[in-house]
Amino acid sequence: MTNRETADFYDAEMLVVYWETKPEIIKRLLPPPLKPTSTPIAYAFVAYYPKTNFGVTYNEGALFLSAEFDGVEGGYCLSMPVTDDQALVAGREVFGYPKKMADIYFKREKRIVEGWIERQGTRYYEVKAKLNGRLNTPDAMELFTGTIGDGSEIVSITYNFKHFPSPDGKGFDYNPRLIREEVPLRPKELKLGNAEITLKSSESDPWGEIKVERVLGAAYLKGDNSMKKGYVVAEVEQEKFFPYSFLKWDIGI
């Protein structure tokens, strides 16, 4: 993937659900220099990638918190389970995504989309959406139209921290680096609806900590996506980042 200008996904299917959480949760989990946005939004997706330009077919999920750095809003990735080891290695080592192997289910049956993510015996995310054009929270339509635009191309901005532990057990190999990346999505099909979600925590995958105050709605997309190359936009002192460094590894490793 590193020798390509983009990693491309063809006819990708994705269901994204947005919800409001508590501001103090986002404040507690965002590492500096990321800052909370004006509204405490979290979102998660489950996706099926049937064809890629790097020869891998797999399912993926992710959990994000709304965040801002240097005036640019995006999503800070708290978790990104996958079903393929090549996708795991490329995403973690190149971009810093906190990827882990998991079992992921994704299915669309007409206007119903269902999915779940399970790892080490804990099904920590379940979703069922009805693509009926009606959001859970009608006043959230402004959020969706602002995110989706006219639907021809949706540019998602993600934030990750790239870091690796030192082999001598003393901190990190280098100061953790904040990576910003753009992911353009070009949907051929885009439908909105309402969703029901269940979040549950395990010892090493604390999805349940992102409390749901109210579900805003869901968006189903099918089309072609691209991952552009990322850029280092900041570095963090090792001591300041250490409390946030648990995302990529299970407790006890």
Protein backbone atom coordinates (compact mmCIF):
# COMPACT_ATOMS: atom_id res chain seq x y z
CA MET A 1 0.00 0.00 0.00
CA THR A 2 2.84 2.38 0.72
CA ASN A 3 3.98 2.49 -2.92
CA ARG A 4 0.54 3.50 -4.19
CA GLU A 5 -0.81 7.02 -4.19
CA THR A 6 -4.07 5.68 -2.75
CA ALA A 7 -5.48 2.46 -1.39
CA ASP A 8 -8.73 1.98 -3.30
CA PHE A 9 -11.90 0.12 -2.38
CA TYR A 10 -14.47 -0.78 -5.07
CA ASP A 11 -18.23 -1.27 -4.48
CA ALA A 12 -17.60 -0.92 -0.75
CA GLU A 13 -20.66 -1.11 1.51
CA MET A 14 -20.71 0.83 4.76
CA LEU A 15 -23.25 1.61 7.46
CA VAL A 16 -22.39 4.60 9.66
CA VAL A 17 -24.35 5.49 12.81
CA TYR A 18 -23.97 8.81 14.64
CA TRP A 19 -24.92 9.54 18.24
CA GLU A 20 -24.46 12.18 20.92
CA THR A 21 -22.39 11.21 23.92
CA LYS A 22 -21.35 13.08 27.04
CA PRO A 23 -18.85 15.96 26.59
CA GLU A 24 -16.78 14.75 29.54
CA ILE A 25 -16.28 11.36 27.84
CA ILE A 26 -14.81 12.94 24.74
CA LYS A 27 -12.69 15.32 26.82
CA ARG A 28 -11.31 12.38 28.83
CA LEU A 29 -10.46 10.20 25.83
CA LEU A 30 -9.01 12.75 23.38
CA PRO A 31 -5.20 12.90 23.61
CA PRO A 32 -3.62 16.34 23.31
CA PRO A 33 -3.28 18.26 21.06
CA LEU A 34 -6.70 17.10 19.79
CA LYS A 35 -9.62 19.15 21.09
CA PRO A 36 -13.37 18.46 21.38
CA THR A 37 -15.71 19.93 18.80
CA SER A 38 -18.72 22.04 19.73
CA THR A 39 -21.07 19.03 19.78
CA PRO A 40 -20.05 15.74 21.46
CA ILE A 41 -20.56 13.37 18.54
CA ALA A 42 -19.42 9.77 18.29
CA TYR A 43 -19.90 7.48 15.32
CA ALA A 44 -19.22 3.91 14.31
CA PHE A 45 -19.34 1.93 11.10
CA VAL A 46 -19.36 -1.62 9.84
CA ALA A 47 -18.22 -2.19 6.27
CA TYR A 48 -17.70 -4.86 3.63
CA TYR A 49 -14.91 -4.39 1.08
CA PRO A 50 -15.44 -6.89 -1.78
CA LYS A 51 -12.56 -5.66 -3.95
CA THR A 52 -9.44 -3.54 -3.40
CA ASN A 53 -6.40 -2.49 -5.42
CA PHE A 54 -4.16 -4.23 -2.90
CA GLY A 55 -5.74 -7.66 -3.39
CA VAL A 56 -7.60 -8.07 -0.11
CA THR A 57 -11.29 -8.69 0.57
CA TYR A 58 -12.41 -8.14 4.15
CA ASN A 59 -14.85 -6.68 6.68
CA GLU A 60 -14.05 -3.75 8.92
CA GLY A 61 -15.54 -1.75 11.75
CA ALA A 62 -14.51 1.45 13.51
CA LEU A 63 -15.36 3.78 16.37
CA PHE A 64 -14.63 7.51 16.23
CA LEU A 65 -14.95 10.60 18.40
CA SER A 66 -15.43 14.02 16.86
CA ALA A 67 -12.22 16.01 17.27
CA GLU A 68 -10.40 19.08 16.02
CA PHE A 69 -6.78 20.01 15.45
CA ASP A 70 -5.50 23.33 14.14
CA GLY A 71 -9.02 24.33 13.10
CA VAL A 72 -9.67 21.16 11.05
CA GLU A 73 -12.45 18.89 12.31
CA GLY A 74 -12.29 15.14 11.87
CA GLY A 75 -12.70 11.86 13.70
CA TYR A 76 -10.26 10.42 16.23
CA CYS A 77 -10.22 6.65 15.79
CA LEU A 78 -10.63 4.74 19.06
CA SER A 79 -10.90 1.29 17.51
CA MET A 80 -10.79 -0.37 14.09
CA PRO A 81 -11.39 -4.13 14.10
CA VAL A 82 -10.76 -6.03 10.85
CA THR A 83 -11.03 -9.59 9.52
CA ASP A 84 -7.78 -9.70 7.53
CA ASP A 85 -4.19 -9.61 8.81
CA GLN A 86 -2.81 -7.73 5.77
CA ALA A 87 -5.33 -4.94 6.28
CA LEU A 88 -4.44 -4.89 9.97
CA VAL A 89 -0.68 -4.55 9.44
CA ALA A 90 -0.94 -1.90 6.72
CA GLY A 91 -3.38 0.24 8.68
CA ARG A 92 -1.49 0.05 11.98
CA GLU A 93 2.08 0.37 10.78
CA VAL A 94 1.53 2.98 8.06
CA PHE A 95 -1.28 5.18 9.39
CA GLY A 96 -1.43 4.33 13.09
CA TYR A 97 -4.99 2.96 13.07
CA PRO A 98 -5.70 0.98 16.27
CA LYS A 99 -6.57 -2.22 14.41
CA LYS A 100 -7.24 -5.62 15.95
CA MET A 101 -8.50 -8.88 14.48
CA ALA A 102 -12.19 -9.61 15.14
CA ASP A 103 -15.26 -11.36 13.76
CA ILE A 104 -17.45 -8.90 11.86
CA TYR A 105 -20.90 -9.47 10.36
CA PHE A 106 -22.47 -7.21 7.72
CA LYS A 107 -25.65 -7.83 5.74
CA ARG A 108 -28.15 -5.78 3.79
CA GLU A 109 -31.60 -7.16 3.00
CA LYS A 110 -33.57 -4.56 0.99
CA ARG A 111 -34.11 -1.68 3.44
CA ILE A 112 -32.65 -3.45 6.50
CA VAL A 113 -28.92 -3.40 7.29
CA GLU A 114 -27.50 -5.37 10.19
CA GLY A 115 -24.03 -5.80 11.58
CA TRP A 116 -22.02 -6.76 14.61
CA ILE A 117 -18.43 -6.92 15.85
CA GLU A 118 -17.23 -9.64 18.19
CA ARG A 119 -13.85 -10.34 19.69
CA GLN A 120 -12.64 -12.79 22.33
CA GLY A 121 -16.20 -13.81 23.16
CA THR A 122 -17.62 -10.29 23.54
CA ARG A 123 -20.00 -8.86 20.95
CA TYR A 124 -19.23 -5.23 21.70
CA TYR A 125 -21.12 -3.57 18.85
CA GLU A 126 -24.47 -4.46 17.31
CA VAL A 127 -26.48 -2.38 14.88
CA LYS A 128 -29.73 -2.67 12.96
CA ALA A 129 -30.83 0.12 10.64
CA LYS A 130 -33.95 0.80 8.59
CA LEU A 131 -33.20 2.75 5.41
CA ASN A 132 -36.49 4.61 5.34
CA GLY A 133 -35.17 8.16 5.01
CA ARG A 134 -36.19 9.03 8.58
CA LEU A 135 -33.43 9.73 11.10
CA ASN A 136 -33.74 8.88 14.78
CA THR A 137 -33.49 12.58 15.56
CA PRO A 138 -35.08 14.77 12.86
CA ASP A 139 -33.10 17.86 13.89
CA ALA A 140 -29.90 15.93 13.11
CA MET A 141 -30.48 16.33 9.38
CA GLU A 142 -28.20 19.38 9.37
CA LEU A 143 -25.36 17.20 10.66
CA PHE A 144 -25.94 14.64 7.92
CA THR A 145 -26.23 17.15 5.10
CA GLY A 146 -23.10 18.91 6.36
CA THR A 147 -21.24 15.61 6.41
CA ILE A 148 -22.56 14.23 3.14
CA GLY A 149 -22.86 17.41 1.05
CA ASP A 150 -24.40 16.70 -2.36
CA GLY A 151 -23.34 13.05 -2.11
CA SER A 152 -21.01 13.10 -5.14
CA GLU A 153 -17.88 12.92 -2.97
CA ILE A 154 -17.63 12.81 0.80
CA VAL A 155 -14.22 13.59 2.29
CA SER A 156 -13.71 12.03 5.70
CA ILE A 157 -10.79 13.30 7.81
CA THR A 158 -9.29 10.93 10.36
CA TYR A 159 -6.81 11.43 13.17
CA ASN A 160 -4.55 8.70 14.54
CA PHE A 161 -1.47 8.58 16.73
CA LYS A 162 1.39 6.53 15.33
CA HIS A 163 3.47 5.03 18.11
CA PHE A 164 5.37 1.86 18.97
CA PRO A 165 6.75 0.70 22.33
CA SER A 166 10.50 0.66 22.75
CA PRO A 167 12.03 -2.85 22.78
CA ASP A 168 13.75 -2.09 26.09
CA GLY A 169 10.39 -1.46 27.71
CA LYS A 170 11.16 2.18 28.41
CA GLY A 171 8.52 4.29 26.73
CA PHE A 172 8.20 4.56 22.96
CA ASP A 173 10.60 4.28 20.04
CA TYR A 174 9.94 7.95 19.28
CA ASN A 175 7.56 10.71 20.32
CA PRO A 176 4.02 9.69 19.26
CA ARG A 177 3.03 11.37 16.00
CA LEU A 178 -0.41 12.73 15.19
CA ILE A 179 -1.39 11.64 11.66
CA ARG A 180 -4.07 13.39 9.62
CA GLU A 181 -5.49 11.59 6.61
CA GLU A 182 -8.20 12.25 4.05
CA VAL A 183 -10.48 9.46 2.84
CA PRO A 184 -12.66 10.44 -0.15
CA LEU A 185 -15.84 8.38 -0.56
CA ARG A 186 -17.69 8.39 -3.89
CA PRO A 187 -21.06 6.76 -3.23
CA LYS A 188 -23.10 5.25 -6.04
CA GLU A 189 -25.90 4.68 -3.55
CA LEU A 190 -26.62 6.65 -0.38
CA LYS A 191 -29.60 6.12 1.91
CA LEU A 192 -30.47 7.54 5.33
CA GLY A 193 -32.46 5.92 8.08
CA ASN A 194 -32.83 5.20 11.76
CA ALA A 195 -30.85 2.70 13.78
CA GLU A 196 -30.67 0.79 17.02
CA ILE A 197 -27.20 0.16 18.46
CA THR A 198 -25.79 -1.75 21.40
CA LEU A 199 -22.35 -1.01 22.84
CA LYS A 200 -20.60 -3.30 25.28
CA SER A 201 -17.12 -3.23 26.79
CA SER A 202 -14.63 -6.02 27.23
CA GLU A 203 -11.47 -5.71 29.30
CA SER A 204 -9.45 -4.68 26.23
CA ASP A 205 -12.11 -3.13 23.96
CA PRO A 206 -14.02 -0.49 25.94
CA TRP A 207 -16.67 0.44 23.36
CA GLY A 208 -19.28 0.61 26.07
CA GLU A 209 -17.59 3.66 27.60
CA ILE A 210 -18.88 5.82 24.74
CA LYS A 211 -22.29 6.33 26.34
CA VAL A 212 -25.23 6.90 24.00
CA GLU A 213 -27.18 10.00 25.02
CA ARG A 214 -29.30 9.85 21.88
CA VAL A 215 -28.91 8.16 18.51
CA LEU A 216 -29.00 10.71 15.70
CA GLY A 217 -29.36 8.48 12.64
CA ALA A 218 -27.68 6.20 10.14
CA ALA A 219 -26.27 6.45 6.62
CA TYR A 220 -25.74 3.53 4.24
CA LEU A 221 -23.23 4.04 1.43
CA LYS A 222 -22.19 1.82 -1.45
CA GLY A 223 -19.46 2.99 -3.82
CA ASP A 224 -15.74 3.51 -4.32
CA ASN A 225 -13.47 4.82 -1.56
CA SER A 226 -9.82 5.84 -1.44
CA MET A 227 -7.32 6.19 1.38
CA LYS A 228 -4.88 8.98 0.62
CA LYS A 229 -1.42 9.21 2.11
CA GLY A 230 -1.35 10.63 5.61
CA TYR A 231 0.73 13.45 7.07
CA VAL A 232 2.38 14.04 10.42
CA VAL A 233 0.82 17.22 11.79
CA ALA A 234 2.14 17.17 15.38
CA GLU A 235 4.24 15.26 17.90
CA VAL A 236 3.40 14.60 21.54
CA GLU A 237 5.74 14.20 24.49
CA GLN A 238 5.89 10.55 25.50
CA GLU A 239 4.86 11.13 29.10
CA LYS A 240 1.77 13.09 28.06
CA PHE A 241 0.62 10.44 25.58
CA PHE A 242 1.25 7.35 27.70
CA PRO A 243 -2.23 7.32 29.38
CA TYR A 244 -3.84 7.12 25.92
CA SER A 245 -1.62 4.41 24.45
CA PHE A 246 -3.76 1.36 25.25
CA LEU A 247 -5.85 1.27 22.06
CA LYS A 248 -3.71 -1.00 19.89
CA TRP A 249 -2.91 -3.74 22.37
CA ASP A 250 -4.82 -5.87 24.82
CA ILE A 251 -4.37 -5.23 28.52
CA GLY A 252 -1.45 -7.21 29.86
CA ILE A 253 0.53 -7.28 26.60
